[in-house]
Amino acid sequence: MTTATRTFSHVGILGAGAWGTALAQVCAGSGRAVTLWAREPEVAASINNDHENRLFLPGVTLTGSITARSDLAELATCDLILAVPPAQHMRTTLSALAAHIQPATPIILCAKGIEQGSLKLMTEVAEETLPGQPIAVLSGPSFAGEVARGLPTAVTLACADEALGRALADHLGTRTFRPYLATDLIGAEAGGAMKNVLAIACGVVEGRALGRSAHAAIVTRGFAEMTRLAVALGAEAETLAGLCGLGDLVLTCSSHQSRNMSVGLALGRGESLAEALSGKLSVAEGVASAPAVRALAAKLGVETPICEAVAAVLAGEIDLDGAIDRLLSRPIRPEHDA
């Protein structure tokens, strides 16, 4: 069977958080049998018995063809895997999967972030833990609840093998979930990782009541930082202007549904980081990614003053007023040089 005619009838989803569950719903809606791996037995029971993920995606009735399991071995027969654990747990999860996955089974990476310590993107983590497996990246402006309810969503599906990318898009795409193809995996990943950090900054702007003009400035200058760092990593600037870069940034920085923006909003209103994170079941990836983004930018010699400020605030190295003053005191320079 050639790549172009390859079929993916049984999809495995690694991670039953809100986004993993939403993607399971998409795959089931496109006619696939879906096995959803849930770390929490109570989540698996809720999905299997009540067709609802009450813990992470309450209120959404799930398709009956979704089966939840707590044993990774249950994914052994899947012919496509979507990996959706938090970025900082991707290495551990894929390492555990290695004993069960079949050769040549494609892995679509759906987590957004940079691994702390190693400063590696998720594709690099996947290549180290699952050498030889075909890799793709799914990223773009998407809220889990909206996707699960079938609201129109467009994302980037990046795969170096164009024929495989087309086959994956044909099998995952539905009328309301539209994957646009790309070959630049680094660009797709870098945008998704950095936008979470910038969303925290946008939340701070709103929490501090600094105004819509300041919000627009953070989004625009943040996009410049995102593009500079991605290009330094080897990405194409054009990729960042698409759904996985600018599109994702606009969504995450403009809605209180964004976990990362809500953290920044709480910080801007005077709450501590512990208070901002208290009671949240889902992971705010920007909190974990901020120090990794700062370290990676320093390693590559790329200026990312907004991300630097967010990382410094989260680390307790400077207070919000000091960080804001530092940004506003930067020298005035030509826009495309700053």
Protein backbone atom coordinates (compact mmCIF):
# COMPACT_ATOMS: atom_id res chain seq x y z
CA MET A 1 0.00 0.00 0.00
CA THR A 2 1.43 3.39 -0.98
CA THR A 3 1.37 6.37 1.33
CA ALA A 4 -1.22 8.05 -0.85
CA THR A 5 -3.64 5.12 -0.51
CA ARG A 6 -2.87 4.33 3.12
CA THR A 7 -5.86 4.23 5.44
CA PHE A 8 -6.03 4.96 9.15
CA SER A 9 -9.07 3.18 10.50
CA HIS A 10 -8.02 2.92 14.15
CA VAL A 11 -6.69 6.04 15.86
CA GLY A 12 -5.03 6.11 19.26
CA ILE A 13 -5.05 9.29 21.34
CA LEU A 14 -2.37 9.68 24.02
CA GLY A 15 -3.88 11.88 26.71
CA ALA A 16 -7.51 12.39 27.76
CA GLY A 17 -7.37 16.02 28.78
CA ALA A 18 -9.70 18.51 27.13
CA TRP A 19 -7.69 18.72 23.88
CA GLY A 20 -7.09 14.99 23.60
CA THR A 21 -10.78 14.33 24.15
CA ALA A 22 -11.74 16.94 21.56
CA LEU A 23 -9.41 15.34 19.01
CA ALA A 24 -10.90 11.94 19.81
CA GLN A 25 -14.29 13.41 18.96
CA VAL A 26 -12.92 14.76 15.67
CA CYS A 27 -11.43 11.40 14.71
CA ALA A 28 -14.62 9.57 15.63
CA GLY A 29 -16.61 12.08 13.60
CA SER A 30 -14.48 11.35 10.55
CA GLY A 31 -15.42 7.66 10.81
CA ARG A 32 -12.43 6.26 12.75
CA ALA A 33 -12.46 3.84 15.65
CA VAL A 34 -10.78 5.67 18.52
CA THR A 35 -8.91 4.38 21.57
CA LEU A 36 -8.30 7.21 24.03
CA TRP A 37 -5.59 6.59 26.63
CA ALA A 38 -6.50 8.19 29.95
CA ARG A 39 -4.01 8.31 32.82
CA GLU A 40 -6.86 8.68 35.33
CA PRO A 41 -9.07 5.56 35.67
CA GLU A 42 -12.03 7.72 36.66
CA VAL A 43 -11.77 9.62 33.37
CA ALA A 44 -11.76 6.36 31.42
CA ALA A 45 -14.80 5.16 33.35
CA SER A 46 -16.67 8.40 32.72
CA ILE A 47 -16.01 8.23 28.97
CA ASN A 48 -16.88 4.54 28.64
CA ASN A 49 -19.95 4.54 30.86
CA ASP A 50 -21.41 7.99 30.30
CA HIS A 51 -19.84 9.12 27.00
CA GLU A 52 -18.58 12.26 28.71
CA ASN A 53 -15.23 13.41 30.08
CA ARG A 54 -16.67 15.01 33.20
CA LEU A 55 -13.30 15.99 34.62
CA PHE A 56 -11.72 17.79 31.65
CA LEU A 57 -14.50 18.42 29.09
CA PRO A 58 -17.84 18.42 30.89
CA GLY A 59 -21.07 18.98 29.02
CA VAL A 60 -19.94 17.42 25.72
CA THR A 61 -21.57 14.16 24.68
CA LEU A 62 -18.92 11.97 23.07
CA THR A 63 -19.37 9.64 20.12
CA GLY A 64 -19.96 6.03 21.08
CA SER A 65 -17.05 4.77 18.96
CA ILE A 66 -14.58 6.35 21.42
CA THR A 67 -13.21 3.78 23.87
CA ALA A 68 -11.10 4.93 26.82
CA ARG A 69 -8.34 2.76 28.27
CA SER A 70 -5.72 3.22 31.01
CA ASP A 71 -3.22 0.70 29.61
CA LEU A 72 -0.90 1.90 26.85
CA ALA A 73 -0.75 -1.63 25.46
CA GLU A 74 -4.32 -1.09 24.22
CA LEU A 75 -2.89 1.26 21.57
CA ALA A 76 -0.74 -1.46 20.01
CA THR A 77 -3.21 -2.14 17.19
CA CYS A 78 -3.70 1.53 16.27
CA ASP A 79 -2.44 2.58 12.84
CA LEU A 80 -2.20 6.28 13.79
CA ILE A 81 -1.30 7.91 17.12
CA LEU A 82 -2.09 11.48 18.19
CA ALA A 83 0.19 12.45 21.10
CA VAL A 84 -1.50 15.00 23.36
CA PRO A 85 0.20 14.91 26.80
CA PRO A 86 1.48 18.20 28.26
CA ALA A 87 4.79 19.13 26.63
CA GLN A 88 6.79 18.53 29.81
CA HIS A 89 5.44 14.96 29.96
CA MET A 90 5.86 14.14 26.27
CA ARG A 91 9.21 12.36 26.67
CA THR A 92 7.98 10.09 29.48
CA THR A 93 4.76 9.27 27.66
CA LEU A 94 6.38 8.48 24.31
CA SER A 95 9.07 6.41 26.03
CA ALA A 96 6.35 4.32 27.62
CA LEU A 97 4.59 3.98 24.26
CA ALA A 98 7.74 2.69 22.54
CA ALA A 99 7.21 -0.87 23.76
CA HIS A 100 3.76 -1.03 22.14
CA ILE A 101 3.81 0.96 18.91
CA GLN A 102 4.05 -0.80 15.55
CA PRO A 103 6.81 0.13 13.05
CA ALA A 104 5.92 2.93 10.61
CA THR A 105 2.89 4.04 12.64
CA PRO A 106 2.68 7.83 12.21
CA ILE A 107 2.75 10.03 15.31
CA ILE A 108 1.00 13.40 15.20
CA LEU A 109 2.35 15.67 17.94
CA CYS A 110 -0.43 17.86 19.34
CA ALA A 111 1.24 19.39 22.43
CA LYS A 112 2.69 22.89 22.40
CA GLY A 113 5.83 23.72 24.31
CA ILE A 114 9.60 23.48 24.68
CA GLU A 115 11.07 20.84 26.98
CA GLN A 116 12.71 22.31 30.05
CA GLY A 117 16.35 21.40 30.57
CA SER A 118 17.01 20.05 27.07
CA LEU A 119 15.37 23.07 25.35
CA LYS A 120 14.11 20.70 22.67
CA LEU A 121 11.00 20.89 20.54
CA MET A 122 8.50 18.04 20.65
CA THR A 123 9.70 16.67 17.30
CA GLU A 124 13.20 16.30 18.73
CA VAL A 125 11.78 14.53 21.77
CA ALA A 126 9.81 12.19 19.51
CA GLU A 127 12.83 11.43 17.32
CA GLU A 128 14.84 10.48 20.41
CA THR A 129 12.17 8.33 22.06
CA LEU A 130 10.60 6.78 18.93
CA PRO A 131 13.38 6.74 16.31
CA GLY A 132 12.20 5.93 12.82
CA GLN A 133 8.51 6.67 13.38
CA PRO A 134 6.95 9.11 10.87
CA ILE A 135 6.25 12.42 12.63
CA ALA A 136 3.74 15.20 11.97
CA VAL A 137 2.71 18.29 13.97
CA LEU A 138 -0.83 19.56 14.49
CA SER A 139 -1.10 23.15 15.71
CA GLY A 140 -3.34 26.14 15.28
CA PRO A 141 -6.08 28.32 16.80
CA SER A 142 -8.37 25.85 18.52
CA PHE A 143 -10.27 25.73 21.80
CA ALA A 144 -11.08 22.19 22.85
CA GLY A 145 -14.71 22.84 23.76
CA GLU A 146 -15.44 24.46 20.42
CA VAL A 147 -13.73 21.70 18.45
CA ALA A 148 -15.55 18.99 20.39
CA ARG A 149 -18.88 20.68 19.72
CA GLY A 150 -18.21 20.77 16.00
CA LEU A 151 -17.68 24.52 15.61
CA PRO A 152 -15.60 25.51 12.54
CA THR A 153 -11.85 25.29 13.18
CA ALA A 154 -8.79 25.50 10.90
CA VAL A 155 -5.35 24.23 11.93
CA THR A 156 -1.92 23.54 10.44
CA LEU A 157 -0.86 19.94 9.85
CA ALA A 158 2.89 19.91 9.19
CA CYS A 159 4.61 16.82 7.82
CA ALA A 160 7.92 16.58 5.95
CA ASP A 161 6.50 13.74 3.83
CA GLU A 162 3.93 15.58 1.72
CA ALA A 163 2.14 12.41 0.60
CA LEU A 164 1.77 11.24 4.19
CA GLY A 165 0.60 14.70 5.23
CA ARG A 166 -2.09 14.62 2.56
CA ALA A 167 -3.22 11.14 3.66
CA LEU A 168 -3.39 12.25 7.30
CA ALA A 169 -5.34 15.40 6.43
CA ASP A 170 -7.78 13.44 4.29
CA HIS A 171 -8.48 11.06 7.17
CA LEU A 172 -8.67 13.64 9.97
CA GLY A 173 -10.40 16.48 8.19
CA THR A 174 -14.12 17.03 8.49
CA ARG A 175 -16.47 19.75 7.30
CA THR A 176 -15.78 21.75 10.47
CA PHE A 177 -12.21 20.64 11.28
CA ARG A 178 -9.96 21.75 8.46
CA PRO A 179 -6.23 20.86 8.48
CA TYR A 180 -4.13 23.04 6.14
CA LEU A 181 -0.94 21.31 5.02
CA ALA A 182 2.65 22.46 5.56
CA THR A 183 6.07 20.83 5.53
CA ASP A 184 7.77 23.13 8.07
CA LEU A 185 7.55 21.22 11.36
CA ILE A 186 9.83 23.62 13.23
CA GLY A 187 7.68 26.60 12.30
CA ALA A 188 4.50 24.82 13.35
CA GLU A 189 6.03 23.89 16.70
CA ALA A 190 7.77 27.16 17.54
CA GLY A 191 4.63 29.23 17.05
CA GLY A 192 2.60 26.98 19.31
CA ALA A 193 5.24 27.00 22.04
CA MET A 194 5.81 30.76 22.18
CA LYS A 195 2.21 31.92 21.87
CA ASN A 196 1.43 30.52 25.32
CA VAL A 197 4.11 32.70 26.91
CA LEU A 198 2.88 35.77 25.03
CA ALA A 199 -0.70 35.02 26.11
CA ILE A 200 0.41 35.39 29.74
CA ALA A 201 1.75 38.85 28.86
CA CYS A 202 -1.56 39.79 27.21
CA GLY A 203 -3.42 38.64 30.30
CA VAL A 204 -1.24 40.86 32.45
CA VAL A 205 -2.04 43.83 30.20
CA GLU A 206 -5.75 43.24 30.68
CA GLY A 207 -5.48 42.50 34.39
CA ARG A 208 -3.52 45.72 34.89
CA ALA A 209 -6.05 47.65 32.75
CA LEU A 210 -3.30 48.94 30.46
CA GLY A 211 -5.70 49.27 27.53
CA ARG A 212 -6.41 47.78 24.11
CA SER A 213 -3.55 49.68 22.48
CA ALA A 214 -1.07 47.99 24.80
CA HIS A 215 -2.71 44.64 24.08
CA ALA A 216 -2.29 45.16 20.34
CA ALA A 217 1.33 46.16 20.88
CA ILE A 218 2.06 42.98 22.84
CA VAL A 219 0.46 40.78 20.16
CA THR A 220 2.33 42.51 17.34
CA ARG A 221 5.73 42.76 18.99
CA GLY A 222 5.25 39.27 20.40
CA PHE A 223 4.68 37.98 16.89
CA ALA A 224 8.00 39.56 15.90
CA GLU A 225 9.73 37.72 18.76
CA MET A 226 8.04 34.47 17.77
CA THR A 227 9.16 34.82 14.18
CA ARG A 228 12.76 35.75 15.07
CA LEU A 229 13.20 32.76 17.36
CA ALA A 230 11.52 30.33 14.96
CA VAL A 231 13.69 31.44 12.06
CA ALA A 232 16.79 31.08 14.24
CA LEU A 233 15.68 27.50 14.90
CA GLY A 234 15.45 26.85 11.16
CA ALA A 235 11.78 27.62 10.47
CA GLU A 236 10.40 29.54 7.51
CA ALA A 237 9.00 32.98 8.38
CA GLU A 238 6.01 32.31 6.11
CA THR A 239 4.90 29.44 8.35
CA LEU A 240 4.62 31.77 11.33
CA ALA A 241 2.28 34.05 9.38
CA GLY A 242 -0.20 31.17 9.14
CA LEU A 243 -2.62 29.36 11.44
CA CYS A 244 0.06 27.75 13.64
CA GLY A 245 1.73 31.10 14.34
CA LEU A 246 -0.27 34.30 13.95
CA GLY A 247 -3.61 32.50 14.03
CA ASP A 248 -2.88 30.69 17.27
CA LEU A 249 -1.39 33.83 18.81
CA VAL A 250 -4.47 35.93 18.05
CA LEU A 251 -6.85 33.37 19.56
CA THR A 252 -4.81 32.64 22.68
CA CYS A 253 -4.17 36.30 23.39
CA SER A 254 -7.76 37.46 22.97
CA SER A 255 -9.96 35.18 25.06
CA HIS A 256 -10.40 34.39 28.73
CA GLN A 257 -10.95 30.76 27.66
CA SER A 258 -7.19 30.64 27.16
CA ARG A 259 -5.61 28.99 30.20
CA ASN A 260 -2.44 31.00 29.68
CA MET A 261 -4.16 34.34 29.29
CA SER A 262 -6.23 33.63 32.41
CA VAL A 263 -3.00 33.10 34.38
CA GLY A 264 -1.69 36.47 33.19
CA LEU A 265 -5.02 38.10 33.98
CA ALA A 266 -4.82 36.87 37.57
CA LEU A 267 -1.21 38.05 37.89
CA GLY A 268 -2.17 41.45 36.51
CA ARG A 269 -4.89 41.75 39.12
CA GLY A 270 -2.36 41.19 41.89
CA GLU A 271 -2.62 37.47 42.54
CA SER A 272 0.48 35.36 43.16
CA LEU A 273 1.46 32.68 40.65
CA ALA A 274 0.30 30.00 43.09
CA GLU A 275 -3.08 31.70 43.39
CA ALA A 276 -3.31 32.12 39.60
CA LEU A 277 -2.74 28.38 39.10
CA SER A 278 -4.87 27.22 42.02
CA GLY A 279 -7.80 25.02 41.11
CA LYS A 280 -6.84 24.60 37.45
CA LEU A 281 -7.08 21.02 36.22
CA SER A 282 -5.63 21.74 32.78
CA VAL A 283 -2.00 22.74 32.32
CA ALA A 284 -1.07 26.33 31.42
CA GLU A 285 1.83 25.41 29.14
CA GLY A 286 3.18 28.96 29.03
CA VAL A 287 4.24 28.79 32.67
CA ALA A 288 6.46 25.78 31.95
CA SER A 289 7.60 27.03 28.54
CA ALA A 290 8.60 30.56 29.58
CA PRO A 291 11.95 29.66 31.16
CA ALA A 292 12.73 27.29 28.28
CA VAL A 293 11.91 29.98 25.70
CA ARG A 294 14.12 32.48 27.54
CA ALA A 295 17.02 30.03 27.75
CA LEU A 296 16.66 29.00 24.12
CA ALA A 297 16.57 32.62 22.94
CA ALA A 298 19.71 33.36 24.95
CA LYS A 299 21.44 30.31 23.51
CA LEU A 300 20.61 31.42 19.96
CA GLY A 301 21.32 35.11 20.57
CA VAL A 302 17.74 36.19 19.76
CA GLU A 303 16.09 39.17 21.45
CA THR A 304 12.73 38.26 23.03
CA PRO A 305 12.10 41.03 25.57
CA ILE A 306 8.42 40.22 26.18
CA CYS A 307 9.07 36.51 26.74
CA GLU A 308 12.08 37.45 28.87
CA ALA A 309 9.87 39.70 31.03
CA VAL A 310 7.25 36.97 31.47
CA ALA A 311 9.89 34.42 32.46
CA ALA A 312 11.46 36.84 34.95
CA VAL A 313 8.09 37.61 36.57
CA LEU A 314 7.16 33.92 36.83
CA ALA A 315 10.55 33.16 38.39
CA GLY A 316 10.08 35.91 40.98
CA GLU A 317 13.13 37.81 39.73
CA ILE A 318 11.18 41.04 39.17
CA ASP A 319 7.71 42.30 40.01
CA LEU A 320 5.15 43.26 37.38
CA ASP A 321 5.70 46.99 37.70
CA GLY A 322 9.43 46.51 37.26
CA ALA A 323 8.94 44.30 34.22
CA ILE A 324 6.53 46.75 32.62
CA ASP A 325 8.91 49.64 33.29
CA ARG A 326 11.79 47.67 31.76
CA LEU A 327 9.82 47.06 28.56
CA LEU A 328 8.69 50.69 28.29
CA SER A 329 12.24 51.92 28.86
CA ARG A 330 13.74 50.03 25.92
CA PRO A 331 15.40 52.32 23.35
CA ILE A 332 13.30 53.42 20.38
CA ARG A 333 14.49 51.72 17.20
CA PRO A 334 13.27 51.04 13.65
CA GLU A 335 10.36 48.62 13.89
CA HIS A 336 11.88 45.80 11.88
CA ASP A 337 15.17 46.01 13.78
CA ALA A 338 13.63 46.04 17.28
